[in-house]
Every structure is written in C-alpha cells, then in structure tokens.
Protein backbone atom coordinates (compact mmCIF):
# COMPACT_ATOMS: atom_id res chain seq x y z
CA MET A 1 11.08 28.49 23.81
CA THR A 2 9.17 27.93 20.58
CA PHE A 3 9.66 24.36 19.37
CA PHE A 4 9.56 25.18 15.63
CA ALA A 5 9.27 28.46 13.75
CA ALA A 6 9.22 29.49 10.10
CA GLU A 7 9.94 33.20 9.84
CA GLY A 8 9.26 35.17 6.65
CA LEU A 9 10.05 32.31 4.26
CA GLN A 10 10.40 33.36 0.66
CA ILE A 11 11.55 31.45 -2.42
CA ASN A 12 11.26 32.19 -6.13
CA PHE A 13 11.16 29.86 -9.12
CA GLY A 14 11.74 31.56 -12.46
CA GLY A 15 10.41 34.89 -11.29
CA ILE A 16 7.38 33.32 -9.57
CA LYS A 17 7.16 33.70 -5.81
CA ALA A 18 6.42 30.19 -4.61
CA LEU A 19 6.46 31.46 -1.02
CA ASP A 20 6.06 35.11 -0.13
CA GLY A 21 6.77 35.84 3.52
CA VAL A 22 5.27 32.76 5.18
CA SER A 23 5.56 32.64 8.97
CA PHE A 24 4.12 30.23 11.54
CA THR A 25 5.08 28.46 14.76
CA VAL A 26 4.50 24.90 15.94
CA GLU A 27 4.43 24.08 19.63
CA GLN A 28 5.79 20.81 20.97
CA GLY A 29 3.18 18.06 21.00
CA GLN A 30 0.94 19.65 18.38
CA VAL A 31 -0.36 18.39 15.07
CA PHE A 32 -0.03 21.43 12.82
CA THR A 33 -1.47 21.15 9.30
CA ILE A 34 -0.88 23.23 6.18
CA ILE A 35 -3.64 23.23 3.56
CA GLY A 36 -4.18 24.96 0.24
CA PRO A 37 -4.82 24.34 -3.44
CA ASN A 38 -2.21 22.85 -5.77
CA GLY A 39 0.66 25.27 -6.23
CA ALA A 40 0.00 27.04 -2.93
CA GLY A 41 3.53 26.32 -1.69
CA LYS A 42 2.80 23.59 0.85
CA THR A 43 5.40 21.01 -0.19
CA THR A 44 7.86 23.82 -0.91
CA ILE A 45 7.85 24.57 2.83
CA PHE A 46 8.77 20.94 3.52
CA ASN A 47 11.56 21.12 0.93
CA LEU A 48 12.96 24.18 2.69
CA ILE A 49 12.82 22.51 6.10
CA SER A 50 14.50 19.33 4.85
CA ARG A 51 17.07 21.45 2.98
CA ILE A 52 16.26 20.41 -0.57
CA TYR A 53 15.85 24.13 -1.33
CA ASP A 54 17.50 27.28 0.03
CA PRO A 55 15.16 30.16 0.88
CA ALA A 56 15.66 33.53 -0.78
CA ALA A 57 14.71 35.14 2.53
CA GLY A 58 13.59 34.16 6.01
CA ARG A 59 14.79 31.54 8.44
CA ILE A 60 13.81 28.24 10.08
CA VAL A 61 14.31 27.70 13.80
CA PHE A 62 14.06 24.26 15.44
CA ALA A 63 14.45 23.74 19.19
CA GLY A 64 16.06 27.15 19.57
CA GLU A 65 18.59 26.59 16.77
CA ASP A 66 18.68 28.28 13.35
CA VAL A 67 18.70 25.37 10.87
CA THR A 68 18.05 27.41 7.71
CA ARG A 69 21.38 26.58 6.04
CA MET A 70 22.14 23.32 7.79
CA PRO A 71 23.12 20.29 5.62
CA PRO A 72 20.28 17.77 5.11
CA HIS A 73 21.99 15.00 7.11
CA GLU A 74 22.30 17.34 10.07
CA ILE A 75 18.58 18.09 9.88
CA ALA A 76 17.90 14.38 10.34
CA ARG A 77 20.35 14.15 13.22
CA ARG A 78 18.66 17.11 14.92
CA GLY A 79 15.41 15.12 14.95
CA ILE A 80 13.42 16.12 11.86
CA ALA A 81 12.11 13.36 9.56
CA ARG A 82 9.70 13.43 6.63
CA THR A 83 7.59 11.37 4.28
CA PHE A 84 6.86 12.26 0.66
CA GLN A 85 3.66 12.70 -1.32
CA ASN A 86 5.04 10.18 -3.83
CA ILE A 87 6.26 7.18 -1.86
CA GLU A 88 10.06 6.98 -1.72
CA LEU A 89 10.87 3.39 -0.73
CA PHE A 90 13.28 0.76 -2.05
CA GLU A 91 10.85 -1.53 -3.85
CA HIS A 92 13.15 -4.55 -4.08
CA ALA A 93 14.02 -4.52 -0.38
CA THR A 94 11.90 -5.84 2.47
CA VAL A 95 9.94 -3.76 4.94
CA LEU A 96 12.52 -4.46 7.65
CA GLN A 97 15.41 -3.52 5.36
CA ASN A 98 13.71 -0.22 4.47
CA LEU A 99 13.19 0.55 8.15
CA LEU A 100 16.81 -0.22 8.97
CA LEU A 101 17.81 2.39 6.41
CA GLY A 102 15.95 4.86 8.58
CA ARG A 103 18.46 4.12 11.34
CA HIS A 104 21.35 5.47 9.24
CA ALA A 105 21.41 8.82 11.07
CA HIS A 106 22.18 6.97 14.30
CA ARG A 107 25.17 5.03 13.03
CA ARG A 108 28.34 5.95 14.92
CA SER A 109 30.79 3.25 13.78
CA ARG A 110 33.63 3.89 11.36
CA PHE A 111 34.20 2.17 8.02
CA LEU A 112 37.04 -0.05 9.27
CA GLU A 113 35.01 -1.12 12.30
CA GLU A 114 32.14 -2.11 10.04
CA LEU A 115 34.46 -3.88 7.61
CA LEU A 116 35.82 -6.03 10.44
CA PHE A 117 32.38 -6.28 12.08
CA LEU A 118 33.83 -5.53 15.51
CA PRO A 119 31.82 -6.11 18.74
CA ARG A 120 30.81 -2.44 18.86
CA VAL A 121 29.33 -2.74 15.39
CA ARG A 122 27.48 -5.93 16.33
CA ARG A 123 25.98 -4.21 19.37
CA GLN A 124 24.85 -1.29 17.24
CA GLU A 125 23.30 -3.58 14.64
CA LEU A 126 21.29 -5.34 17.33
CA ALA A 127 20.15 -2.00 18.75
CA HIS A 128 19.10 -0.75 15.30
CA ARG A 129 17.16 -3.95 14.62
CA GLU A 130 15.44 -3.72 18.00
CA ALA A 131 14.42 -0.12 17.28
CA ALA A 132 13.04 -1.10 13.86
CA GLU A 133 11.12 -4.03 15.35
CA LYS A 134 9.50 -1.71 17.90
CA VAL A 135 8.23 0.50 15.07
CA ILE A 136 6.95 -2.57 13.22
CA ASP A 137 5.02 -3.58 16.32
CA PHE A 138 3.73 -0.03 16.89
CA LEU A 139 2.29 0.25 13.37
CA ASP A 140 1.07 -3.37 13.18
CA LEU A 141 3.40 -4.21 10.30
CA GLN A 142 4.37 -7.67 11.59
CA PRO A 143 2.59 -9.52 8.73
CA HIS A 144 4.66 -7.56 6.21
CA ARG A 145 8.09 -7.30 7.89
CA ASP A 146 9.80 -9.70 5.44
CA SER A 147 7.76 -8.78 2.35
CA LEU A 148 9.26 -6.90 -0.57
CA ILE A 149 7.86 -3.40 -0.92
CA ALA A 150 7.02 -4.15 -4.57
CA ASN A 151 4.57 -6.83 -3.42
CA LEU A 152 2.67 -4.64 -0.96
CA PRO A 153 -0.58 -2.75 -1.59
CA TYR A 154 -0.36 1.03 -1.78
CA GLY A 155 -1.96 1.66 1.60
CA VAL A 156 0.57 -0.54 3.40
CA ARG A 157 3.42 1.21 1.59
CA LYS A 158 2.22 4.53 2.97
CA VAL A 159 2.42 3.12 6.49
CA VAL A 160 5.88 1.67 5.80
CA GLU A 161 7.17 5.05 4.67
CA MET A 162 5.88 6.59 7.88
CA ALA A 163 7.51 3.73 9.81
CA ARG A 164 10.87 4.42 8.18
CA ALA A 165 10.61 8.07 9.21
CA LEU A 166 9.81 6.99 12.78
CA CYS A 167 12.93 4.82 12.81
CA THR A 168 15.03 8.00 12.76
CA GLU A 169 13.55 8.77 16.21
CA PRO A 170 12.32 12.23 15.20
CA ARG A 171 11.11 14.97 17.48
CA LEU A 172 9.34 16.61 14.51
CA LEU A 173 7.69 14.45 11.84
CA LEU A 174 6.82 16.04 8.48
CA LEU A 175 3.97 14.20 6.75
CA ASP A 176 3.44 15.21 3.12
CA GLU A 177 -0.15 14.35 2.17
CA PRO A 178 -0.33 11.08 4.15
CA SER A 179 -3.86 10.31 2.89
CA SER A 180 -2.99 10.73 -0.80
CA GLY A 181 -4.23 7.70 -2.74
CA LEU A 182 -5.86 6.06 0.28
CA SER A 183 -9.42 4.79 0.62
CA VAL A 184 -11.81 6.23 3.20
CA GLU A 185 -11.08 3.32 5.55
CA GLU A 186 -7.31 3.67 5.08
CA THR A 187 -7.55 7.41 5.74
CA GLU A 188 -9.37 6.70 9.00
CA GLY A 189 -6.55 4.33 9.90
CA MET A 190 -3.99 7.00 9.07
CA ALA A 191 -5.78 9.40 11.46
CA PHE A 192 -5.46 6.75 14.17
CA TRP A 193 -1.71 6.39 13.59
CA ILE A 194 -1.11 10.16 13.59
CA GLN A 195 -2.98 10.55 16.87
CA ASP A 196 -0.96 7.72 18.42
CA ILE A 197 2.33 9.12 17.13
CA ARG A 198 1.54 12.36 18.92
CA SER A 199 -0.01 10.97 22.11
CA LEU A 200 1.96 7.75 22.66
CA LEU A 201 5.34 8.60 21.15
CA GLY A 202 5.30 12.31 22.01
CA ILE A 203 6.29 13.33 18.48
CA THR A 204 5.23 16.71 17.10
CA VAL A 205 3.65 16.48 13.64
CA LEU A 206 3.75 19.05 10.85
CA MET A 207 1.47 17.86 8.06
CA VAL A 208 0.53 18.93 4.54
CA GLU A 209 -2.88 17.52 3.69
CA HIS A 210 -5.82 17.98 1.29
CA ASP A 211 -8.36 15.62 2.88
CA MET A 212 -10.36 17.87 5.20
CA SER A 213 -11.81 14.92 7.14
CA LEU A 214 -8.28 13.92 8.16
CA VAL A 215 -7.33 17.55 8.84
CA SER A 216 -10.35 17.99 11.12
CA ALA A 217 -9.75 14.69 12.91
CA VAL A 218 -6.14 15.24 13.98
CA SER A 219 -5.13 18.92 13.73
CA ASP A 220 -4.63 21.29 16.64
CA ARG A 221 -3.94 24.25 14.34
CA VAL A 222 -4.28 24.76 10.61
CA LEU A 223 -2.59 27.22 8.23
CA ALA A 224 -4.20 27.86 4.84
CA LEU A 225 -2.00 29.05 1.97
CA ASN A 226 -2.76 30.35 -1.50
CA TYR A 227 -0.21 31.46 -4.09
CA GLY A 228 2.53 31.25 -1.47
CA ARG A 229 0.81 33.56 1.01
CA PRO A 230 -1.02 32.83 4.27
CA LEU A 231 -4.82 33.11 4.10
CA ALA A 232 -5.92 32.00 7.57
CA LEU A 233 -4.58 30.42 10.76
CA GLY A 234 -6.61 28.79 13.53
CA THR A 235 -8.48 25.60 14.36
CA ALA A 236 -9.63 23.37 11.53
CA ARG A 237 -13.18 24.67 11.84
CA GLU A 238 -12.12 28.33 11.95
CA VAL A 239 -9.96 27.96 8.85
CA GLN A 240 -12.58 25.98 6.90
CA GLU A 241 -15.17 28.67 7.60
CA HIS A 242 -12.88 31.56 6.71
CA PRO A 243 -14.35 33.26 3.59
CA ASP A 244 -11.00 33.57 1.81
CA VAL A 245 -10.30 29.86 2.36
CA VAL A 246 -13.78 28.87 1.16
CA LYS A 247 -13.22 30.89 -2.00
CA ALA A 248 -9.66 29.73 -2.71
CA TYR A 249 -9.66 26.12 -1.59
CA LEU A 250 -12.98 24.66 -0.56
CA GLY A 251 -14.90 25.67 -3.65
CA GLY A 252 -17.28 28.16 -2.09
C-alpha cells in the first residue's frame, strides 16, 4: 500500500492554473522534496493536503484513505502535521506552551471534565506535558523551554515550530521551506534534525525547499515543478541535472 499519493491535483486561482495535474507518491520512511521557482505551486500542494484549499480535480490518499475532502482537524488526527514558510507561533507564549498547543489533537476530555479538572484530565495533562518535554529534549530546546517566543532568535523559532508539529505525533510531516531565513550553519543543523526525524522517530517527511544544499543532503526523491506542472522526478542529482530544471529553476 502506498503511504501517500497525490493524484492529478488541479486548482485554479482567477483563471490561472496554480496546479495542473500534479501526481506523485511518497513511500513510508522517505524524505520527499518538492522544488521549483516562486509561483510553481509548491506551497499550494501543502495547502491542499492540510485542507486550506479544495482541489478542482484530483485526490489525496494517505495510508490507504482518501482524505481529499476531510476537515482540517481530521487531517491532524490522521497523523499529518505541517510547518509554514512564515513562522506561525504564539509570540507571547513560552516554548513549552506553544508545544502543548500541538497536543490539542490528542485531547479526549470533555468540557465539563476539564472545567472540574477531574483525575482523567489531570492524567492527560501530565501525559501531554511528558510528550512535549520529550520533543524539547529531542531538539535540544531545553535552554529555551520557558522563554517567550518573542525573545528568541529566528533560527530557534524555526526549530520550535518544527517541535510543535512533532508534538502532534505525526506519521507524515510537511516542512514548508524549513531553511528559509537561516544561516549556512543553521541550515546544516536543520539537515541534521530532518535526518534524525526520519531515522530516529520513523516519521516520513514531505518538504518544500529552495536551498539545494539542504535538498541534496536529506532527500530520497525530488519533484521539480514549474507553472503548476511537473518537470522532473528522481534523485536530487538527477533532478538538478535535468535540462528543463536547469533552465526553469537553477538558472542554466
């Protein structure tokens, strides 16, 4: 069974085809990366998967289930989490508080139980905090756990956003340009985290990225897009050397 599949995805914005029949599959345990110039449709694919947009045609299959029209909260409960190109964190909350928000999909208590803070709720709160602390340890965020997001440097915020996504316990992690705004050293660190997320946590990664050094370092397969259409699919080296990709994206 294919772990994840996009089949013939199409979406239009004001008469412009943002995606025009895009199909690809991601096998469990892979790091699959989508590249392309601005406006190629990369983030649009993520917005379809996370149900911000509805496709005009095509479907999305995850773990054997058609999730094309599923509500966004159900996508999270099925095990799909994402980060954003522009960091989406609560700036006046701490790192730990932001990570605990990532546990929301796993809450099973009812409003009255929470209002009375019954033993079941207390047990769940302890379990959620333990899960968040494990992610903090995994990503070496201990020095920042009680810091406000507003007081953190940009590179640390990027790691915190990834940590919050990991707190949902995803099977598929969508990373939208994780190296955006990072220094060379921070990008190398991001490559390290992505490799560990795949190898140590067993999480499949679907990534949109523009930094070809990061793409080459972590990707098993790469899909190049241009104007909403696939240009090439293969290893990072195969795609980078493809003449259509060189012309459209790499400046050749």
